[in-house]
């Protein structure tokens, strides 16, 4: 009985560790949800005029996916992938990875603020909304360039 429990205990952490290492290379869902969130957020921009009925559903979907699926998928990928760009021998990937980390943190934190407090119309809310919007504008093309060879929208394939 003790032999089985020892082998089971040693297998579970090894399984989790190997899964975590494989997750660092599985970016397609994380990249998809990043682009999805960008497009749905872009539809909420005041310069793009859509009907109120469409805008409210887009906002609801944007918020619910952002707080749940996006946070889980991108958070898990980022956490497992972080080791790769910190130890990469390619300076471009290290620099863009670090910049992506900062932009993703800024965009996520401002998104959480907007989810819980919303844009109340005061100066702080307007600034946080702009930070969220413009950090996503910088984040998306940088993600595409960082993962150009492996991107889900690679045109060279």
C-alpha atoms as a PDB file:
ATOM      1  CA  UNK A   1       0.000   0.000   0.000  1.00  0.00           C
ATOM      2  CA  UNK A   2       2.771   2.433   0.805  1.00  0.00           C
ATOM      3  CA  UNK A   3       4.590   1.602  -2.437  1.00  0.00           C
ATOM      4  CA  UNK A   4       1.527   2.502  -4.517  1.00  0.00           C
ATOM      5  CA  UNK A   5       1.008   5.771  -2.684  1.00  0.00           C
ATOM      6  CA  UNK A   6       4.652   6.734  -3.180  1.00  0.00           C
ATOM      7  CA  UNK A   7       4.548   6.060  -6.932  1.00  0.00           C
ATOM      8  CA  UNK A   8       1.231   7.889  -7.246  1.00  0.00           C
ATOM      9  CA  UNK A   9       2.616  10.923  -5.395  1.00  0.00           C
ATOM     10  CA  UNK A  10       5.686  11.013  -7.612  1.00  0.00           C
ATOM     11  CA  UNK A  11       3.624  10.697 -10.798  1.00  0.00           C
ATOM     12  CA  UNK A  12       1.149  13.493 -10.081  1.00  0.00           C
ATOM     13  CA  UNK A  13       3.730  16.263  -9.670  1.00  0.00           C
ATOM     14  CA  UNK A  14       5.658  14.935 -12.683  1.00  0.00           C
ATOM     15  CA  UNK A  15       2.461  14.937 -14.739  1.00  0.00           C
ATOM     16  CA  UNK A  16       1.611  18.484 -13.677  1.00  0.00           C
ATOM     17  CA  UNK A  17       5.179  19.622 -14.339  1.00  0.00           C
ATOM     18  CA  UNK A  18       5.233  18.120 -17.840  1.00  0.00           C
ATOM     19  CA  UNK A  19       1.806  19.610 -18.598  1.00  0.00           C
ATOM     20  CA  UNK A  20       3.027  23.027 -17.432  1.00  0.00           C
ATOM     21  CA  UNK A  21       6.104  22.788 -19.667  1.00  0.00           C
ATOM     22  CA  UNK A  22       3.970  21.803 -22.697  1.00  0.00           C
ATOM     23  CA  UNK A  23       1.524  24.632 -21.970  1.00  0.00           C
ATOM     24  CA  UNK A  24       4.311  27.172 -22.499  1.00  0.00           C
ATOM     25  CA  UNK A  25       4.300  26.274 -26.216  1.00  0.00           C
ATOM     26  CA  UNK A  26       0.528  26.070 -26.694  1.00  0.00           C
ATOM     27  CA  UNK A  27      -0.346  29.626 -27.519  1.00  0.00           C
ATOM     28  CA  UNK A  28      -3.127  29.305 -30.069  1.00  0.00           C
ATOM     29  CA  UNK A  29      -6.065  29.687 -27.651  1.00  0.00           C
ATOM     30  CA  UNK A  30      -4.345  32.474 -25.747  1.00  0.00           C
ATOM     31  CA  UNK A  31      -3.620  34.311 -28.979  1.00  0.00           C
ATOM     32  CA  UNK A  32      -7.163  33.725 -30.267  1.00  0.00           C
ATOM     33  CA  UNK A  33      -8.746  35.135 -27.107  1.00  0.00           C
ATOM     34  CA  UNK A  34      -6.394  38.132 -27.195  1.00  0.00           C
ATOM     35  CA  UNK A  35      -7.491  38.977 -30.750  1.00  0.00           C
ATOM     36  CA  UNK A  36     -11.136  38.295 -29.867  1.00  0.00           C
ATOM     37  CA  UNK A  37     -10.980  40.645 -26.899  1.00  0.00           C
ATOM     38  CA  UNK A  38      -9.323  43.301 -29.047  1.00  0.00           C
ATOM     39  CA  UNK A  39     -11.978  43.125 -31.778  1.00  0.00           C
ATOM     40  CA  UNK A  40     -14.861  43.107 -29.290  1.00  0.00           C
ATOM     41  CA  UNK A  41     -13.264  46.033 -27.427  1.00  0.00           C
ATOM     42  CA  UNK A  42     -12.734  47.882 -30.690  1.00  0.00           C
ATOM     43  CA  UNK A  43     -16.452  47.561 -31.405  1.00  0.00           C
ATOM     44  CA  UNK A  44     -17.077  49.417 -28.118  1.00  0.00           C
ATOM     45  CA  UNK A  45     -14.971  52.389 -29.190  1.00  0.00           C
ATOM     46  CA  UNK A  46     -17.043  55.569 -29.479  1.00  0.00           C
ATOM     47  CA  UNK A  47     -15.641  56.306 -32.957  1.00  0.00           C
ATOM     48  CA  UNK A  48     -17.175  53.086 -34.266  1.00  0.00           C
ATOM     49  CA  UNK A  49     -20.890  53.574 -34.178  1.00  0.00           C
ATOM     50  CA  UNK A  50     -22.962  50.458 -33.688  1.00  0.00           C
ATOM     51  CA  UNK A  51     -26.522  50.184 -32.436  1.00  0.00           C
ATOM     52  CA  UNK A  52     -27.092  50.213 -28.692  1.00  0.00           C
ATOM     53  CA  UNK A  53     -28.532  46.678 -28.808  1.00  0.00           C
ATOM     54  CA  UNK A  54     -25.363  45.339 -30.407  1.00  0.00           C
ATOM     55  CA  UNK A  55     -23.121  47.440 -28.175  1.00  0.00           C
ATOM     56  CA  UNK A  56     -24.658  46.183 -24.928  1.00  0.00           C
ATOM     57  CA  UNK A  57     -24.302  42.534 -25.976  1.00  0.00           C
ATOM     58  CA  UNK A  58     -20.750  43.156 -27.144  1.00  0.00           C
ATOM     59  CA  UNK A  59     -19.912  44.792 -23.817  1.00  0.00           C
ATOM     60  CA  UNK A  60     -21.449  41.913 -21.872  1.00  0.00           C
ATOM     61  CA  UNK A  61     -19.557  39.291 -23.894  1.00  0.00           C
ATOM     62  CA  UNK A  62     -16.337  41.322 -23.690  1.00  0.00           C
ATOM     63  CA  UNK A  63     -16.621  41.614 -19.905  1.00  0.00           C
ATOM     64  CA  UNK A  64     -17.644  38.011 -19.214  1.00  0.00           C
ATOM     65  CA  UNK A  65     -14.998  36.455 -21.442  1.00  0.00           C
ATOM     66  CA  UNK A  66     -12.386  38.913 -20.173  1.00  0.00           C
ATOM     67  CA  UNK A  67     -13.004  38.156 -16.514  1.00  0.00           C
ATOM     68  CA  UNK A  68     -13.284  34.381 -16.952  1.00  0.00           C
ATOM     69  CA  UNK A  69     -11.971  32.554 -20.022  1.00  0.00           C
ATOM     70  CA  UNK A  70      -9.397  35.154 -21.063  1.00  0.00           C
ATOM     71  CA  UNK A  71      -7.998  35.401 -17.549  1.00  0.00           C
ATOM     72  CA  UNK A  72      -7.692  31.634 -17.204  1.00  0.00           C
ATOM     73  CA  UNK A  73      -6.349  30.822 -20.673  1.00  0.00           C
ATOM     74  CA  UNK A  74      -3.991  33.772 -21.087  1.00  0.00           C
ATOM     75  CA  UNK A  75      -2.995  33.739 -17.423  1.00  0.00           C
ATOM     76  CA  UNK A  76      -2.021  30.064 -17.530  1.00  0.00           C
ATOM     77  CA  UNK A  77      -0.190  30.484 -20.835  1.00  0.00           C
ATOM     78  CA  UNK A  78       1.634  33.621 -19.674  1.00  0.00           C
ATOM     79  CA  UNK A  79       2.644  32.021 -16.397  1.00  0.00           C
ATOM     80  CA  UNK A  80       4.030  28.917 -18.077  1.00  0.00           C
ATOM     81  CA  UNK A  81       5.562  30.837 -21.009  1.00  0.00           C
ATOM     82  CA  UNK A  82       7.312  33.404 -18.828  1.00  0.00           C
ATOM     83  CA  UNK A  83      10.313  31.122 -18.241  1.00  0.00           C
ATOM     84  CA  UNK A  84      10.879  30.879 -22.014  1.00  0.00           C
ATOM     85  CA  UNK A  85      11.225  34.565 -22.752  1.00  0.00           C
ATOM     86  CA  UNK A  86      13.269  35.245 -19.615  1.00  0.00           C
ATOM     87  CA  UNK A  87      15.835  32.591 -20.548  1.00  0.00           C
ATOM     88  CA  UNK A  88      15.717  33.031 -24.328  1.00  0.00           C
ATOM     89  CA  UNK A  89      18.995  33.581 -26.115  1.00  0.00           C
ATOM     90  CA  UNK A  90      17.251  35.827 -28.633  1.00  0.00           C
ATOM     91  CA  UNK A  91      17.319  39.478 -27.481  1.00  0.00           C
ATOM     92  CA  UNK A  92      14.291  40.413 -29.584  1.00  0.00           C
ATOM     93  CA  UNK A  93      12.098  37.772 -27.910  1.00  0.00           C
ATOM     94  CA  UNK A  94      13.352  38.752 -24.454  1.00  0.00           C
ATOM     95  CA  UNK A  95      12.622  42.445 -25.043  1.00  0.00           C
ATOM     96  CA  UNK A  96       9.234  41.978 -26.667  1.00  0.00           C
ATOM     97  CA  UNK A  97       8.282  39.363 -24.064  1.00  0.00           C
ATOM     98  CA  UNK A  98       9.070  41.759 -21.232  1.00  0.00           C
ATOM     99  CA  UNK A  99       7.191  44.586 -22.947  1.00  0.00           C
ATOM    100  CA  UNK A 100       4.238  42.251 -23.568  1.00  0.00           C
ATOM    101  CA  UNK A 101       4.258  41.283 -19.920  1.00  0.00           C
ATOM    102  CA  UNK A 102       3.998  44.924 -18.868  1.00  0.00           C
ATOM    103  CA  UNK A 103       1.318  45.758 -21.429  1.00  0.00           C
ATOM    104  CA  UNK A 104      -0.719  42.677 -20.535  1.00  0.00           C
ATOM    105  CA  UNK A 105      -0.498  43.561 -16.854  1.00  0.00           C
ATOM    106  CA  UNK A 106      -1.572  47.168 -17.480  1.00  0.00           C
ATOM    107  CA  UNK A 107      -4.393  46.138 -19.793  1.00  0.00           C
ATOM    108  CA  UNK A 108      -5.613  43.413 -17.422  1.00  0.00           C
ATOM    109  CA  UNK A 109      -5.492  45.583 -14.305  1.00  0.00           C
ATOM    110  CA  UNK A 110      -7.326  48.423 -16.007  1.00  0.00           C
ATOM    111  CA  UNK A 111      -9.841  45.888 -17.371  1.00  0.00           C
ATOM    112  CA  UNK A 112     -10.474  44.527 -13.869  1.00  0.00           C
ATOM    113  CA  UNK A 113     -11.020  48.077 -12.617  1.00  0.00           C
ATOM    114  CA  UNK A 114     -13.503  48.736 -15.401  1.00  0.00           C
ATOM    115  CA  UNK A 115     -15.257  45.430 -14.736  1.00  0.00           C
ATOM    116  CA  UNK A 116     -15.756  46.100 -11.048  1.00  0.00           C
ATOM    117  CA  UNK A 117     -16.228  49.901 -11.065  1.00  0.00           C
ATOM    118  CA  UNK A 118     -16.991  50.763 -14.684  1.00  0.00           C
ATOM    119  CA  UNK A 119     -16.583  54.119 -16.325  1.00  0.00           C
ATOM    120  CA  UNK A 120     -18.360  56.384 -13.868  1.00  0.00           C
ATOM    121  CA  UNK A 121     -17.601  59.497 -15.908  1.00  0.00           C
ATOM    122  CA  UNK A 122     -15.067  60.996 -13.503  1.00  0.00           C
ATOM    123  CA  UNK A 123     -11.516  61.823 -14.542  1.00  0.00           C
ATOM    124  CA  UNK A 124      -9.947  58.688 -12.995  1.00  0.00           C
ATOM    125  CA  UNK A 125     -12.371  56.364 -14.810  1.00  0.00           C
ATOM    126  CA  UNK A 126     -11.804  58.135 -18.120  1.00  0.00           C
ATOM    127  CA  UNK A 127      -8.031  57.830 -17.725  1.00  0.00           C
ATOM    128  CA  UNK A 128      -8.284  54.132 -16.821  1.00  0.00           C
ATOM    129  CA  UNK A 129     -10.564  53.532 -19.809  1.00  0.00           C
ATOM    130  CA  UNK A 130      -8.006  55.217 -22.080  1.00  0.00           C
ATOM    131  CA  UNK A 131      -5.153  53.229 -20.517  1.00  0.00           C
ATOM    132  CA  UNK A 132      -7.098  50.017 -21.122  1.00  0.00           C
ATOM    133  CA  UNK A 133      -7.906  50.973 -24.704  1.00  0.00           C
ATOM    134  CA  UNK A 134      -4.483  52.234 -25.764  1.00  0.00           C
ATOM    135  CA  UNK A 135      -2.546  49.470 -24.013  1.00  0.00           C
ATOM    136  CA  UNK A 136      -4.587  46.964 -26.041  1.00  0.00           C
ATOM    137  CA  UNK A 137      -3.722  48.899 -29.202  1.00  0.00           C
ATOM    138  CA  UNK A 138      -0.040  48.420 -28.411  1.00  0.00           C
ATOM    139  CA  UNK A 139      -0.470  44.859 -27.125  1.00  0.00           C
ATOM    140  CA  UNK A 140      -2.065  43.248 -30.170  1.00  0.00           C
ATOM    141  CA  UNK A 141       0.477  44.165 -32.875  1.00  0.00           C
ATOM    142  CA  UNK A 142       3.316  43.399 -30.465  1.00  0.00           C
ATOM    143  CA  UNK A 143       1.891  39.930 -29.753  1.00  0.00           C
ATOM    144  CA  UNK A 144       1.565  39.341 -33.475  1.00  0.00           C
ATOM    145  CA  UNK A 145       5.175  40.398 -34.096  1.00  0.00           C
ATOM    146  CA  UNK A 146       6.503  38.498 -31.069  1.00  0.00           C
ATOM    147  CA  UNK A 147       4.890  35.259 -32.248  1.00  0.00           C
ATOM    148  CA  UNK A 148       5.096  35.937 -35.983  1.00  0.00           C
ATOM    149  CA  UNK A 149       6.532  32.545 -36.941  1.00  0.00           C
ATOM    150  CA  UNK A 150       3.956  30.674 -34.853  1.00  0.00           C
ATOM    151  CA  UNK A 151       0.973  33.048 -34.991  1.00  0.00           C
ATOM    152  CA  UNK A 152      -2.515  31.777 -35.779  1.00  0.00           C
ATOM    153  CA  UNK A 153      -2.774  34.503 -38.433  1.00  0.00           C
ATOM    154  CA  UNK A 154       0.584  33.875 -40.067  1.00  0.00           C
ATOM    155  CA  UNK A 155       0.223  34.710 -43.745  1.00  0.00           C
ATOM    156  CA  UNK A 156       3.378  32.876 -44.833  1.00  0.00           C
ATOM    157  CA  UNK A 157       2.050  29.382 -44.035  1.00  0.00           C
END
